[in-house]
Amino acid sequence: MQRALLYSRHTMGIGHLVRSVAIAEAMARSFDVLMAWGGEPVEGMAKPRGAEMVELGDWSGEGTRRANRLLELARAWKPELIVTEMYPFGRKSFDGEVRPVLEWAKARTEAPVVAASVRDILIARRDQEEFERRVCAVTGKYYDVVLVHGDERYVRLERTFSRAGELGCEVRYTGYVRRERAARPVAERKPEPRIVVSNGGGKCAAGHDLLKAAVSAAGLLAQKLPHRFEVYTGPLAPAGLEESLRAMAGGGRVEVSRYTPELCEAMRGAALSISMGGYNTVLDVLAAQAPALIYPEVGNGDNEQKARAALLEEMGAVRVLGEADLAPARMAEAILKAVEKRPASVAIDLDGAAKTARLLEEMVGERAAVAGGRR
């Protein structure tokens, strides 16, 4: 099979890593995949089936070593396809790590297909005009395609990147990316409602506030609503958060765990999901068809989660919480209302991983056919 090199780096949460693992796993059906990744280690995170994973290492330090390691991998692997997750739409600091590989690829006699992998909604920036100019310069010089992992019927790249028409390469929409898992029988529901509370990767301070609000509300609901709360703090949550939440629960029907890679299965059949509004969590909510309360992260002026949650609220799929809703009494009231209402069915494309793999396979095949015709 032809070879693919996928670069992925996560910094704050694990959303980029989760999406990259799903894509690598889907690509492994058509390519020999080498996934070069980095970031804080995630305990319990499953590796992509069929793909090789290599950690670039030293993520807290200076990037020259990482850049050299990535270039060494590319030279040894000699891929027909290079995929950079989030770059060049992500942090500018990634440039020093990725640019040498792009230069190497461009200089090859038979250059590989180069693709950028980005989510549906990008983060707004203070230097938005300069940022877009810089991205267009990079994509126009090195890239063949930008893969947008969203459903263009609802959100187009232009919504958060005004120069989408000036990228100098193709823009293709893949649908939303979820990791495909083998079907499992739905566990028999217990007599009392089961409410799942989660905080994604676990680093987000706003998510900690959400978990505390939900646990506090659980105590208020003990007499009104027989319930069992399943609380997941996240694999990157600070030490002590789990014990703090257990102490707040006071022996009530609250179970606190650090992480589950099967969050969607936990949501399936639950009376309610309470969560942040990250890309992967929202897709789990939609796939599980669970009633949901979403509290979007808006720190540092980032409206990515808020925009996605607002769109789904308009479609009747979720209800969005604001900061005032974190007061225990208001949270309890929101929970009572939410468990009584089923979410609207949303026709949204969740086949993004498989579609990404098929599209890339076609592009690499076309490139090979053209190269073969020149010989």
Protein backbone atom coordinates (compact mmCIF):
# COMPACT_ATOMS: atom_id res chain seq x y z
CA MET A 1 0.00 0.00 0.00
CA GLN A 2 1.00 3.62 -0.41
CA ARG A 3 2.24 5.46 2.64
CA ALA A 4 0.75 8.36 4.57
CA LEU A 5 2.28 10.60 7.23
CA LEU A 6 -0.16 12.32 9.59
CA TYR A 7 1.05 15.10 11.93
CA SER A 8 -1.08 15.99 14.97
CA ARG A 9 -0.33 18.05 18.04
CA HIS A 10 -2.64 18.88 20.95
CA THR A 11 -2.01 21.57 23.54
CA MET A 12 -4.99 22.41 25.80
CA GLY A 13 -7.43 19.53 25.35
CA ILE A 14 -7.49 16.20 23.54
CA GLY A 15 -9.97 17.03 20.77
CA HIS A 16 -7.30 17.26 18.06
CA LEU A 17 -5.81 13.94 19.13
CA VAL A 18 -9.19 12.17 19.19
CA ARG A 19 -10.05 13.42 15.71
CA SER A 20 -6.62 12.51 14.34
CA VAL A 21 -6.83 8.98 15.74
CA ALA A 22 -10.21 8.52 14.02
CA ILE A 23 -8.81 9.75 10.71
CA ALA A 24 -5.64 7.63 10.98
CA GLU A 25 -7.70 4.56 11.70
CA ALA A 26 -9.95 5.14 8.68
CA MET A 27 -6.94 5.85 6.44
CA ALA A 28 -5.24 2.63 7.56
CA ARG A 29 -7.68 0.67 5.42
CA SER A 30 -6.12 2.17 2.29
CA PHE A 31 -2.65 3.36 3.38
CA ASP A 32 0.28 2.38 5.54
CA VAL A 33 -0.17 5.16 8.10
CA LEU A 34 2.50 6.70 10.32
CA MET A 35 0.96 9.12 12.83
CA ALA A 36 3.51 11.54 14.33
CA TRP A 37 1.89 13.16 17.34
CA GLY A 38 2.61 15.04 20.49
CA GLY A 39 1.19 16.69 23.54
CA GLU A 40 0.55 15.75 27.12
CA PRO A 41 0.13 11.95 27.45
CA VAL A 42 -3.49 10.82 27.70
CA GLU A 43 -3.99 7.84 29.98
CA GLY A 44 -6.36 5.28 28.49
CA MET A 45 -6.38 6.86 25.03
CA ALA A 46 -6.71 4.09 22.45
CA LYS A 47 -4.25 4.07 19.56
CA PRO A 48 -5.57 3.93 15.99
CA ARG A 49 -6.13 0.37 14.85
CA GLY A 50 -3.91 -0.53 11.89
CA ALA A 51 -1.70 2.58 12.10
CA GLU A 52 1.72 3.17 13.63
CA MET A 53 1.97 5.95 16.21
CA VAL A 54 5.23 7.77 16.96
CA GLU A 55 5.51 10.40 19.67
CA LEU A 56 7.79 13.28 18.69
CA GLY A 57 8.56 13.98 22.34
CA ASP A 58 9.84 16.95 24.38
CA TRP A 59 6.58 18.90 23.98
CA SER A 60 7.30 21.32 26.79
CA GLY A 61 10.64 22.40 25.35
CA GLU A 62 12.16 24.08 22.33
CA GLY A 63 10.87 22.88 18.96
CA THR A 64 14.06 22.29 16.92
CA ARG A 65 14.38 18.73 18.17
CA ARG A 66 10.77 18.00 17.26
CA ALA A 67 11.21 19.51 13.81
CA ASN A 68 14.30 17.42 13.17
CA ARG A 69 12.54 14.27 14.35
CA LEU A 70 9.52 14.92 12.09
CA LEU A 71 11.76 15.54 9.08
CA GLU A 72 13.71 12.35 9.81
CA LEU A 73 10.46 10.39 9.89
CA ALA A 74 9.32 11.87 6.57
CA ARG A 75 12.61 11.12 4.85
CA ALA A 76 12.61 7.53 6.07
CA TRP A 77 8.90 6.94 5.38
CA LYS A 78 8.82 8.64 1.96
CA PRO A 79 5.04 9.12 2.03
CA GLU A 80 2.80 9.60 -1.00
CA LEU A 81 0.47 11.58 1.31
CA ILE A 82 1.10 14.09 4.11
CA VAL A 83 -1.73 15.29 6.35
CA THR A 84 -1.21 18.08 8.89
CA GLU A 85 -3.95 18.29 11.48
CA MET A 86 -4.95 21.92 12.20
CA TYR A 87 -1.74 23.37 10.69
CA PRO A 88 -1.49 25.97 9.16
CA PHE A 89 -4.82 27.04 10.73
CA GLY A 90 -3.56 26.39 14.24
CA ARG A 91 -0.88 27.96 16.38
CA LYS A 92 1.87 29.89 14.66
CA SER A 93 4.41 28.08 16.85
CA PHE A 94 3.73 24.88 14.90
CA ASP A 95 5.28 26.46 11.81
CA GLY A 96 8.85 25.69 12.79
CA GLU A 97 8.01 22.01 13.18
CA VAL A 98 6.00 21.50 10.00
CA ARG A 99 7.56 23.87 7.45
CA PRO A 100 10.78 21.82 6.96
CA VAL A 101 8.71 18.75 6.01
CA LEU A 102 6.64 20.82 3.58
CA GLU A 103 9.80 22.16 1.95
CA TRP A 104 11.18 18.63 1.68
CA ALA A 105 7.93 17.39 0.12
CA LYS A 106 7.77 20.23 -2.38
CA ALA A 107 11.34 19.56 -3.52
CA ARG A 108 10.76 15.88 -4.26
CA THR A 109 10.62 14.79 -7.91
CA GLU A 110 7.33 13.00 -7.24
CA ALA A 111 5.80 15.27 -4.63
CA PRO A 112 3.26 13.75 -2.24
CA VAL A 113 -0.30 14.98 -1.93
CA VAL A 114 -0.39 17.44 0.98
CA ALA A 115 -3.62 18.02 2.92
CA ALA A 116 -4.59 20.26 5.83
CA SER A 117 -7.16 18.83 8.26
CA VAL A 118 -9.34 21.37 10.13
CA ARG A 119 -12.52 21.31 12.18
CA ASP A 120 -15.80 23.01 11.25
CA ILE A 121 -15.35 26.25 13.23
CA LEU A 122 -12.03 28.05 13.73
CA ILE A 123 -11.04 30.18 16.69
CA ALA A 124 -11.40 33.94 16.19
CA ARG A 125 -8.10 35.82 16.54
CA ARG A 126 -7.12 39.32 17.48
CA ASP A 127 -4.86 39.49 14.41
CA GLN A 128 -7.45 37.82 12.16
CA GLU A 129 -6.49 39.67 8.99
CA GLU A 130 -2.78 38.91 9.38
CA PHE A 131 -3.56 35.32 10.39
CA GLU A 132 -5.65 34.70 7.26
CA ARG A 133 -3.02 36.28 5.03
CA ARG A 134 -0.33 34.03 6.54
CA VAL A 135 -2.45 30.88 6.18
CA CYS A 136 -3.27 31.61 2.54
CA ALA A 137 0.42 32.09 1.76
CA VAL A 138 1.24 28.67 3.24
CA THR A 139 -1.66 26.76 1.67
CA GLY A 140 -1.08 28.34 -1.72
CA LYS A 141 2.57 27.33 -1.71
CA TYR A 142 2.49 23.83 -0.21
CA TYR A 143 -1.01 22.33 -0.07
CA ASP A 144 -3.25 20.47 -2.49
CA VAL A 145 -6.41 20.44 -0.38
CA VAL A 146 -7.94 21.73 2.84
CA LEU A 147 -10.25 19.15 4.42
CA VAL A 148 -12.96 20.76 6.53
CA HIS A 149 -14.41 18.25 8.98
CA GLY A 150 -17.93 19.56 9.09
CA ASP A 151 -21.23 19.57 7.22
CA GLU A 152 -21.29 22.42 4.71
CA ARG A 153 -25.09 22.53 4.82
CA TYR A 154 -24.82 24.11 8.26
CA VAL A 155 -21.36 25.67 8.62
CA ARG A 156 -19.00 26.69 5.83
CA LEU A 157 -15.36 27.63 6.32
CA GLU A 158 -16.12 31.22 5.29
CA ARG A 159 -18.00 31.71 8.54
CA THR A 160 -14.76 31.81 10.54
CA PHE A 161 -12.17 32.24 7.75
CA SER A 162 -13.22 35.00 5.37
CA ARG A 163 -10.49 34.27 2.79
CA ALA A 164 -11.54 30.67 2.18
CA GLY A 165 -11.71 31.47 -1.53
CA GLU A 166 -8.07 32.63 -1.56
CA LEU A 167 -6.39 29.52 -0.14
CA GLY A 168 -4.87 28.57 -3.48
CA CYS A 169 -5.94 24.92 -3.21
CA GLU A 170 -9.10 22.84 -3.11
CA VAL A 171 -11.47 23.02 -0.13
CA ARG A 172 -13.44 19.83 0.51
CA TYR A 173 -16.01 19.12 3.20
CA THR A 174 -15.87 15.65 4.70
CA GLY A 175 -18.67 15.61 7.22
CA TYR A 176 -18.00 15.42 10.96
CA VAL A 177 -15.31 13.02 12.15
CA ARG A 178 -16.12 10.42 14.78
CA ARG A 179 -14.17 7.32 15.59
CA GLU A 180 -15.99 4.28 14.23
CA ARG A 181 -16.56 1.59 16.83
CA ALA A 182 -18.09 -1.85 16.69
CA ALA A 183 -21.79 -1.85 17.52
CA ARG A 184 -22.53 -2.89 21.08
CA PRO A 185 -25.83 -3.82 22.70
CA VAL A 186 -27.30 -0.95 24.69
CA ALA A 187 -27.11 -1.70 28.38
CA GLU A 188 -30.46 -2.21 30.08
CA ARG A 189 -31.58 1.02 31.69
CA LYS A 190 -31.96 1.10 35.42
CA PRO A 191 -35.23 2.28 36.98
CA GLU A 192 -33.84 5.68 37.93
CA PRO A 193 -32.67 8.26 35.34
CA ARG A 194 -28.95 8.09 34.51
CA ILE A 195 -27.34 11.51 33.97
CA VAL A 196 -23.89 11.72 32.37
CA VAL A 197 -21.72 14.75 33.17
CA SER A 198 -18.43 15.24 31.30
CA ASN A 199 -15.62 17.75 30.81
CA GLY A 200 -13.82 16.62 27.66
CA GLY A 201 -10.05 16.56 28.16
CA GLY A 202 -10.40 17.96 31.66
CA LYS A 203 -8.12 21.00 31.61
CA CYS A 204 -10.83 23.61 31.07
CA ALA A 205 -11.54 25.63 34.25
CA ALA A 206 -15.05 26.41 33.03
CA GLY A 207 -15.60 22.68 32.79
CA HIS A 208 -14.57 22.26 36.42
CA ASP A 209 -17.25 24.81 37.34
CA LEU A 210 -19.79 22.84 35.32
CA LEU A 211 -18.96 19.57 37.10
CA LYS A 212 -19.28 21.24 40.50
CA ALA A 213 -22.61 22.79 39.56
CA ALA A 214 -23.99 19.46 38.38
CA VAL A 215 -22.86 17.64 41.53
CA SER A 216 -24.40 20.37 43.70
CA ALA A 217 -27.65 20.11 41.76
CA ALA A 218 -27.66 16.35 42.30
CA GLY A 219 -28.09 16.93 46.03
CA LEU A 220 -31.00 19.30 45.46
CA LEU A 221 -32.71 16.79 43.18
CA ALA A 222 -32.46 13.84 45.54
CA GLN A 223 -36.08 14.20 46.69
CA LYS A 224 -37.57 15.37 43.39
CA LEU A 225 -35.89 13.07 40.90
CA PRO A 226 -34.52 9.60 41.65
CA HIS A 227 -31.22 9.79 39.85
CA ARG A 228 -27.70 8.49 39.40
CA PHE A 229 -25.03 10.88 38.16
CA GLU A 230 -22.03 9.55 36.21
CA VAL A 231 -19.36 12.27 36.31
CA TYR A 232 -16.20 12.17 34.14
CA THR A 233 -13.56 14.76 35.03
CA GLY A 234 -11.35 14.16 31.95
CA PRO A 235 -7.91 12.54 31.53
CA LEU A 236 -6.05 15.84 31.88
CA ALA A 237 -8.02 17.10 34.90
CA PRO A 238 -5.96 18.48 37.80
CA ALA A 239 -5.09 16.23 40.70
CA GLY A 240 -7.64 16.39 43.47
CA LEU A 241 -10.67 17.27 41.37
CA GLU A 242 -12.18 13.80 41.62
CA GLU A 243 -11.90 13.71 45.41
CA SER A 244 -13.28 17.24 45.67
CA LEU A 245 -16.36 16.25 43.68
CA ARG A 246 -16.88 13.10 45.73
CA ALA A 247 -16.75 15.19 48.90
CA MET A 248 -19.32 17.60 47.45
CA ALA A 249 -21.61 14.69 46.63
CA GLY A 250 -21.69 13.78 50.31
CA GLY A 251 -22.34 10.11 49.70
CA GLY A 252 -25.22 10.79 47.31
CA ARG A 253 -25.88 8.88 44.12
CA VAL A 254 -22.92 10.40 42.29
CA GLU A 255 -20.20 8.28 40.70
CA VAL A 256 -17.01 10.16 39.79
CA SER A 257 -14.51 8.73 37.29
CA ARG A 258 -11.55 10.24 35.50
CA TYR A 259 -12.07 9.14 31.91
CA THR A 260 -13.89 6.85 29.57
CA PRO A 261 -12.96 6.42 25.90
CA GLU A 262 -16.56 5.19 25.44
CA LEU A 263 -18.33 8.45 26.29
CA CYS A 264 -20.87 8.03 23.51
CA GLU A 265 -21.82 4.59 24.86
CA ALA A 266 -22.18 6.11 28.32
CA MET A 267 -24.53 8.75 26.91
CA ARG A 268 -26.59 6.27 24.93
CA GLY A 269 -29.79 5.54 26.79
CA ALA A 270 -29.05 8.16 29.46
CA ALA A 271 -31.80 10.49 30.57
CA LEU A 272 -29.51 13.47 30.02
CA SER A 273 -25.98 14.53 29.06
CA ILE A 274 -24.42 17.62 30.64
CA SER A 275 -21.16 18.70 29.01
CA MET A 276 -18.95 21.32 27.47
CA GLY A 277 -19.36 22.11 23.76
CA GLY A 278 -16.18 20.70 22.25
CA TYR A 279 -16.21 19.16 18.77
CA ASN A 280 -15.91 15.51 19.83
CA THR A 281 -18.26 15.72 22.81
CA VAL A 282 -21.00 17.33 20.74
CA LEU A 283 -20.68 14.61 18.11
CA ASP A 284 -21.01 11.97 20.83
CA VAL A 285 -24.19 13.69 22.01
CA LEU A 286 -25.64 13.69 18.50
CA ALA A 287 -24.66 10.09 17.82
CA ALA A 288 -26.16 8.95 21.14
CA GLN A 289 -29.32 11.01 20.49
CA ALA A 290 -29.29 12.00 24.14
CA PRO A 291 -31.09 15.02 25.61
CA ALA A 292 -28.29 17.47 26.33
CA LEU A 293 -27.33 20.59 28.23
CA ILE A 294 -24.23 22.24 26.71
CA TYR A 295 -22.07 24.80 28.52
CA PRO A 296 -19.72 26.25 25.89
CA GLU A 297 -16.22 27.49 26.72
CA VAL A 298 -15.88 31.20 25.92
CA GLY A 299 -12.57 31.95 27.67
CA ASN A 300 -9.98 34.13 25.92
CA GLY A 301 -12.65 35.42 23.54
CA ASP A 302 -12.99 32.01 21.90
CA ASN A 303 -16.49 31.57 20.45
CA GLU A 304 -15.92 28.25 18.67
CA GLN A 305 -17.92 26.16 21.16
CA LYS A 306 -20.56 28.86 21.58
CA ALA A 307 -21.18 29.10 17.82
CA ARG A 308 -21.52 25.33 17.45
CA ALA A 309 -23.82 25.02 20.46
CA ALA A 310 -26.01 27.91 19.31
CA LEU A 311 -26.46 26.29 15.91
CA LEU A 312 -27.55 23.00 17.49
CA GLU A 313 -29.88 24.81 19.90
CA GLU A 314 -31.59 26.47 16.92
CA MET A 315 -32.11 22.98 15.49
CA GLY A 316 -33.66 21.76 18.74
CA ALA A 317 -30.89 19.22 19.42
CA VAL A 318 -29.51 20.72 22.66
CA ARG A 319 -30.13 23.45 25.21
CA VAL A 320 -27.30 25.92 25.87
CA LEU A 321 -26.39 26.92 29.42
CA GLY A 322 -24.99 30.29 30.43
CA GLU A 323 -22.82 31.18 33.40
CA ALA A 324 -25.87 32.09 35.51
CA ASP A 325 -27.21 28.56 35.03
CA LEU A 326 -24.33 27.16 37.08
CA ALA A 327 -26.04 28.28 40.30
CA PRO A 328 -27.13 24.98 41.92
CA ALA A 329 -30.84 25.84 42.03
CA ARG A 330 -30.87 26.95 38.39
CA MET A 331 -28.90 23.90 37.32
CA ALA A 332 -31.37 21.66 39.12
CA GLU A 333 -34.25 23.41 37.36
CA ALA A 334 -32.54 23.05 33.96
CA ILE A 335 -32.00 19.33 34.58
CA LEU A 336 -35.65 18.76 35.52
CA LYS A 337 -36.84 20.48 32.34
CA ALA A 338 -34.29 18.75 30.11
CA VAL A 339 -35.11 15.18 31.16
CA GLU A 340 -38.74 15.77 30.20
CA LYS A 341 -37.97 16.79 26.62
CA ARG A 342 -36.60 14.62 23.85
CA PRO A 343 -34.15 16.31 21.45
CA ALA A 344 -35.05 16.97 17.84
CA SER A 345 -33.60 14.56 15.31
CA VAL A 346 -30.79 16.27 13.40
CA ALA A 347 -29.78 15.17 9.90
CA ILE A 348 -26.06 15.82 10.08
CA ASP A 349 -23.20 14.06 8.29
CA LEU A 350 -21.21 12.03 10.85
CA ASP A 351 -19.27 9.92 8.33
CA GLY A 352 -16.28 12.23 8.15
CA ALA A 353 -13.49 9.77 8.93
CA ALA A 354 -14.43 7.34 6.17
CA LYS A 355 -15.08 10.13 3.67
CA THR A 356 -11.73 11.71 4.48
CA ALA A 357 -9.95 8.43 3.78
CA ARG A 358 -11.82 7.88 0.49
CA LEU A 359 -11.15 11.41 -0.74
CA LEU A 360 -7.44 11.17 0.04
CA GLU A 361 -7.18 7.77 -1.58
CA GLU A 362 -8.69 9.22 -4.76
CA MET A 363 -6.30 12.19 -4.76
CA VAL A 364 -3.23 10.02 -4.25
CA GLY A 365 -4.43 7.64 -6.97
CA GLU A 366 -4.91 10.51 -9.41
CA ARG A 367 -1.44 11.88 -8.60
CA ALA A 368 0.11 8.44 -9.18
CA ALA A 369 -1.72 8.04 -12.50
CA VAL A 370 -0.46 11.41 -13.73
CA ALA A 371 3.10 10.56 -12.65
CA GLY A 372 2.85 7.18 -14.39
CA GLY A 373 1.70 8.84 -17.60
CA ARG A 374 4.79 11.07 -17.64
CA ARG A 375 7.20 8.14 -17.51
